[in-house]
Amino acid sequence: MIRRLGEKNIIGERVAEARGFRRPQLTQDALSGKLARLGLQLDRAAIAKIENNHRRVLDYELKAIAEALRVQVDWLLGGKR
């Protein structure tokens, strides 16, 4: 996976994809709620910015996002499922 100029992270596409795996689909607001229960405050706008590569993701945020989405950190970083 090659980052394009101007991208702030490499997980945005995978976060959106993982939300779509869930039935019913997990909304950005619902993901925000799951993250809040894990102690991480990211609102819907922040999640949208992550998904659109307009916001950097810190290591502890990456870990919490993976846990909330029930995926591996490596997968979010572009690894195989």
N, C-alpha and C. Protein backbone atom coordinates (compact mmCIF):
# COMPACT_ATOMS: atom_id res chain seq x y z
N MET A 1 0.84 -1.16 0.00
CA MET A 1 0.00 0.00 0.00
C MET A 1 0.90 1.24 0.00
N ILE A 2 0.65 2.12 -0.93
CA ILE A 2 1.45 3.33 -1.05
C ILE A 2 0.56 4.52 -0.67
N ARG A 3 1.07 5.37 0.23
CA ARG A 3 0.32 6.56 0.60
C ARG A 3 0.44 7.61 -0.48
N ARG A 4 -0.68 8.26 -0.75
CA ARG A 4 -0.68 9.35 -1.71
C ARG A 4 -0.40 10.66 -0.99
N LEU A 5 0.16 11.59 -1.69
CA LEU A 5 0.48 12.89 -1.14
C LEU A 5 -0.77 13.53 -0.52
N GLY A 6 -0.65 14.01 0.68
CA GLY A 6 -1.76 14.68 1.34
C GLY A 6 -2.58 13.79 2.25
N GLU A 7 -2.41 12.48 2.16
CA GLU A 7 -3.15 11.59 3.05
C GLU A 7 -2.59 11.67 4.45
N LYS A 8 -3.45 11.62 5.44
CA LYS A 8 -3.04 11.74 6.83
C LYS A 8 -2.92 10.39 7.52
N ASN A 9 -3.52 9.33 6.95
CA ASN A 9 -3.45 8.01 7.57
C ASN A 9 -3.65 6.95 6.49
N ILE A 10 -3.46 5.70 6.87
CA ILE A 10 -3.66 4.61 5.90
C ILE A 10 -4.81 3.70 6.31
N ILE A 11 -5.52 4.05 7.39
CA ILE A 11 -6.58 3.16 7.84
C ILE A 11 -7.98 3.60 7.46
N GLY A 12 -8.13 4.79 6.94
CA GLY A 12 -9.46 5.36 6.70
C GLY A 12 -10.37 4.47 5.87
N GLU A 13 -9.87 3.96 4.79
CA GLU A 13 -10.67 3.11 3.91
C GLU A 13 -11.11 1.84 4.64
N ARG A 14 -10.20 1.28 5.43
CA ARG A 14 -10.50 0.05 6.16
C ARG A 14 -11.50 0.29 7.29
N VAL A 15 -11.45 1.46 7.93
CA VAL A 15 -12.43 1.76 8.98
C VAL A 15 -13.83 1.78 8.38
N ALA A 16 -13.98 2.46 7.25
CA ALA A 16 -15.29 2.51 6.58
C ALA A 16 -15.71 1.11 6.15
N GLU A 17 -14.79 0.33 5.63
CA GLU A 17 -15.10 -1.03 5.20
C GLU A 17 -15.55 -1.89 6.38
N ALA A 18 -14.85 -1.80 7.49
CA ALA A 18 -15.20 -2.60 8.68
C ALA A 18 -16.57 -2.19 9.23
N ARG A 19 -16.90 -0.92 9.18
CA ARG A 19 -18.23 -0.49 9.62
C ARG A 19 -19.30 -1.14 8.75
N GLY A 20 -19.00 -1.28 7.47
CA GLY A 20 -19.95 -1.87 6.53
C GLY A 20 -20.11 -3.38 6.68
N PHE A 21 -19.14 -4.05 7.30
CA PHE A 21 -19.23 -5.50 7.52
C PHE A 21 -20.39 -5.86 8.43
N ARG A 22 -20.67 -4.98 9.37
CA ARG A 22 -21.65 -5.26 10.41
C ARG A 22 -23.06 -5.24 9.85
N ARG A 23 -23.91 -6.11 10.37
CA ARG A 23 -25.31 -6.12 9.98
C ARG A 23 -26.15 -5.95 11.22
N PRO A 24 -26.89 -4.86 11.37
CA PRO A 24 -26.92 -3.75 10.43
C PRO A 24 -25.59 -2.99 10.47
N GLN A 25 -25.37 -2.22 9.40
CA GLN A 25 -24.11 -1.48 9.32
C GLN A 25 -23.94 -0.57 10.52
N LEU A 26 -22.71 -0.44 10.95
CA LEU A 26 -22.36 0.41 12.08
C LEU A 26 -22.18 1.84 11.57
N THR A 27 -22.94 2.76 12.11
CA THR A 27 -22.81 4.16 11.69
C THR A 27 -21.58 4.78 12.34
N GLN A 28 -21.19 5.93 11.83
CA GLN A 28 -20.08 6.66 12.45
C GLN A 28 -20.45 7.06 13.87
N ASP A 29 -21.71 7.43 14.11
CA ASP A 29 -22.15 7.78 15.46
C ASP A 29 -22.07 6.58 16.38
N ALA A 30 -22.48 5.41 15.89
CA ALA A 30 -22.43 4.20 16.71
C ALA A 30 -20.98 3.83 17.03
N LEU A 31 -20.09 3.98 16.07
CA LEU A 31 -18.67 3.72 16.32
C LEU A 31 -18.14 4.69 17.36
N SER A 32 -18.54 5.94 17.27
CA SER A 32 -18.15 6.94 18.26
C SER A 32 -18.58 6.50 19.66
N GLY A 33 -19.79 5.97 19.78
CA GLY A 33 -20.29 5.49 21.06
C GLY A 33 -19.49 4.31 21.59
N LYS A 34 -19.15 3.37 20.70
CA LYS A 34 -18.33 2.22 21.11
C LYS A 34 -16.95 2.68 21.60
N LEU A 35 -16.39 3.65 20.90
CA LEU A 35 -15.08 4.17 21.30
C LEU A 35 -15.17 4.89 22.65
N ALA A 36 -16.26 5.62 22.87
CA ALA A 36 -16.44 6.31 24.15
C ALA A 36 -16.49 5.30 25.29
N ARG A 37 -17.15 4.16 25.08
CA ARG A 37 -17.22 3.13 26.11
C ARG A 37 -15.85 2.52 26.39
N LEU A 38 -14.94 2.63 25.41
CA LEU A 38 -13.57 2.15 25.59
C LEU A 38 -12.66 3.25 26.15
N GLY A 39 -13.22 4.45 26.37
CA GLY A 39 -12.46 5.54 26.94
C GLY A 39 -11.84 6.49 25.93
N LEU A 40 -12.22 6.37 24.66
CA LEU A 40 -11.66 7.24 23.62
C LEU A 40 -12.76 8.13 23.07
N GLN A 41 -12.57 9.43 23.16
CA GLN A 41 -13.56 10.38 22.69
C GLN A 41 -13.24 10.83 21.26
N LEU A 42 -13.92 10.22 20.31
CA LEU A 42 -13.85 10.64 18.90
C LEU A 42 -15.29 10.81 18.43
N ASP A 43 -15.65 12.02 18.03
CA ASP A 43 -17.02 12.22 17.57
C ASP A 43 -17.17 11.79 16.11
N ARG A 44 -18.40 11.87 15.61
CA ARG A 44 -18.70 11.43 14.25
C ARG A 44 -17.86 12.19 13.23
N ALA A 45 -17.66 13.48 13.46
CA ALA A 45 -16.87 14.29 12.52
C ALA A 45 -15.42 13.81 12.47
N ALA A 46 -14.86 13.45 13.62
CA ALA A 46 -13.48 12.96 13.66
C ALA A 46 -13.36 11.63 12.91
N ILE A 47 -14.36 10.76 13.08
CA ILE A 47 -14.35 9.48 12.37
C ILE A 47 -14.47 9.71 10.86
N ALA A 48 -15.31 10.65 10.46
CA ALA A 48 -15.44 10.99 9.04
C ALA A 48 -14.10 11.49 8.49
N LYS A 49 -13.41 12.32 9.26
CA LYS A 49 -12.11 12.84 8.81
C LYS A 49 -11.08 11.72 8.69
N ILE A 50 -11.13 10.75 9.61
CA ILE A 50 -10.23 9.60 9.52
C ILE A 50 -10.54 8.81 8.25
N GLU A 51 -11.81 8.54 8.02
CA GLU A 51 -12.21 7.75 6.84
C GLU A 51 -11.86 8.46 5.54
N ASN A 52 -11.84 9.78 5.55
CA ASN A 52 -11.53 10.55 4.35
C ASN A 52 -10.07 10.99 4.29
N ASN A 53 -9.25 10.43 5.18
CA ASN A 53 -7.81 10.71 5.21
C ASN A 53 -7.47 12.18 5.46
N HIS A 54 -8.30 12.85 6.25
CA HIS A 54 -8.06 14.25 6.59
C HIS A 54 -7.62 14.42 8.04
N ARG A 55 -7.44 13.30 8.75
CA ARG A 55 -7.04 13.37 10.16
C ARG A 55 -6.05 12.26 10.45
N ARG A 56 -5.01 12.61 11.17
CA ARG A 56 -4.03 11.61 11.60
C ARG A 56 -4.64 10.75 12.70
N VAL A 57 -4.12 9.54 12.84
CA VAL A 57 -4.58 8.61 13.87
C VAL A 57 -3.39 8.28 14.78
N LEU A 58 -3.58 8.50 16.06
CA LEU A 58 -2.54 8.19 17.03
C LEU A 58 -2.56 6.70 17.34
N ASP A 59 -1.44 6.19 17.86
CA ASP A 59 -1.33 4.74 18.10
C ASP A 59 -2.40 4.22 19.04
N TYR A 60 -2.69 4.92 20.12
CA TYR A 60 -3.71 4.45 21.05
C TYR A 60 -5.11 4.52 20.43
N GLU A 61 -5.32 5.47 19.51
CA GLU A 61 -6.60 5.54 18.80
C GLU A 61 -6.74 4.34 17.87
N LEU A 62 -5.66 3.99 17.18
CA LEU A 62 -5.66 2.84 16.28
C LEU A 62 -6.05 1.58 17.03
N LYS A 63 -5.47 1.39 18.19
CA LYS A 63 -5.76 0.20 18.99
C LYS A 63 -7.23 0.16 19.40
N ALA A 64 -7.76 1.28 19.86
CA ALA A 64 -9.16 1.34 20.27
C ALA A 64 -10.12 1.16 19.09
N ILE A 65 -9.79 1.74 17.96
CA ILE A 65 -10.63 1.59 16.77
C ILE A 65 -10.69 0.13 16.35
N ALA A 66 -9.56 -0.54 16.36
CA ALA A 66 -9.52 -1.97 16.01
C ALA A 66 -10.39 -2.77 16.98
N GLU A 67 -10.28 -2.48 18.26
CA GLU A 67 -11.08 -3.20 19.25
C GLU A 67 -12.57 -2.95 19.05
N ALA A 68 -12.94 -1.70 18.83
CA ALA A 68 -14.35 -1.35 18.65
C ALA A 68 -14.94 -2.00 17.40
N LEU A 69 -14.12 -2.12 16.36
CA LEU A 69 -14.59 -2.71 15.10
C LEU A 69 -14.41 -4.23 15.05
N ARG A 70 -13.75 -4.78 16.09
CA ARG A 70 -13.47 -6.22 16.17
C ARG A 70 -12.65 -6.71 14.98
N VAL A 71 -11.60 -5.95 14.67
CA VAL A 71 -10.65 -6.33 13.62
C VAL A 71 -9.25 -6.21 14.20
N GLN A 72 -8.29 -6.78 13.51
CA GLN A 72 -6.90 -6.70 13.93
C GLN A 72 -6.29 -5.37 13.48
N VAL A 73 -5.40 -4.84 14.29
CA VAL A 73 -4.69 -3.61 13.94
C VAL A 73 -3.99 -3.78 12.60
N ASP A 74 -3.34 -4.95 12.40
CA ASP A 74 -2.63 -5.21 11.15
C ASP A 74 -3.56 -5.11 9.95
N TRP A 75 -4.78 -5.58 10.08
CA TRP A 75 -5.74 -5.48 8.97
C TRP A 75 -6.05 -4.02 8.67
N LEU A 76 -6.27 -3.21 9.72
CA LEU A 76 -6.54 -1.79 9.50
C LEU A 76 -5.37 -1.12 8.78
N LEU A 77 -4.16 -1.62 9.04
CA LEU A 77 -2.97 -1.04 8.42
C LEU A 77 -2.70 -1.57 7.02
N GLY A 78 -3.62 -2.39 6.49
CA GLY A 78 -3.49 -2.86 5.11
C GLY A 78 -3.16 -4.33 4.98
N GLY A 79 -3.04 -5.04 6.10
CA GLY A 79 -2.75 -6.47 6.04
C GLY A 79 -3.94 -7.28 5.58
N LYS A 80 -3.71 -8.56 5.43
CA LYS A 80 -4.78 -9.46 5.00
C LYS A 80 -5.70 -9.77 6.17
N ARG A 81 -6.94 -10.02 5.88
CA ARG A 81 -7.96 -10.29 6.92
C ARG A 81 -7.76 -11.65 7.50
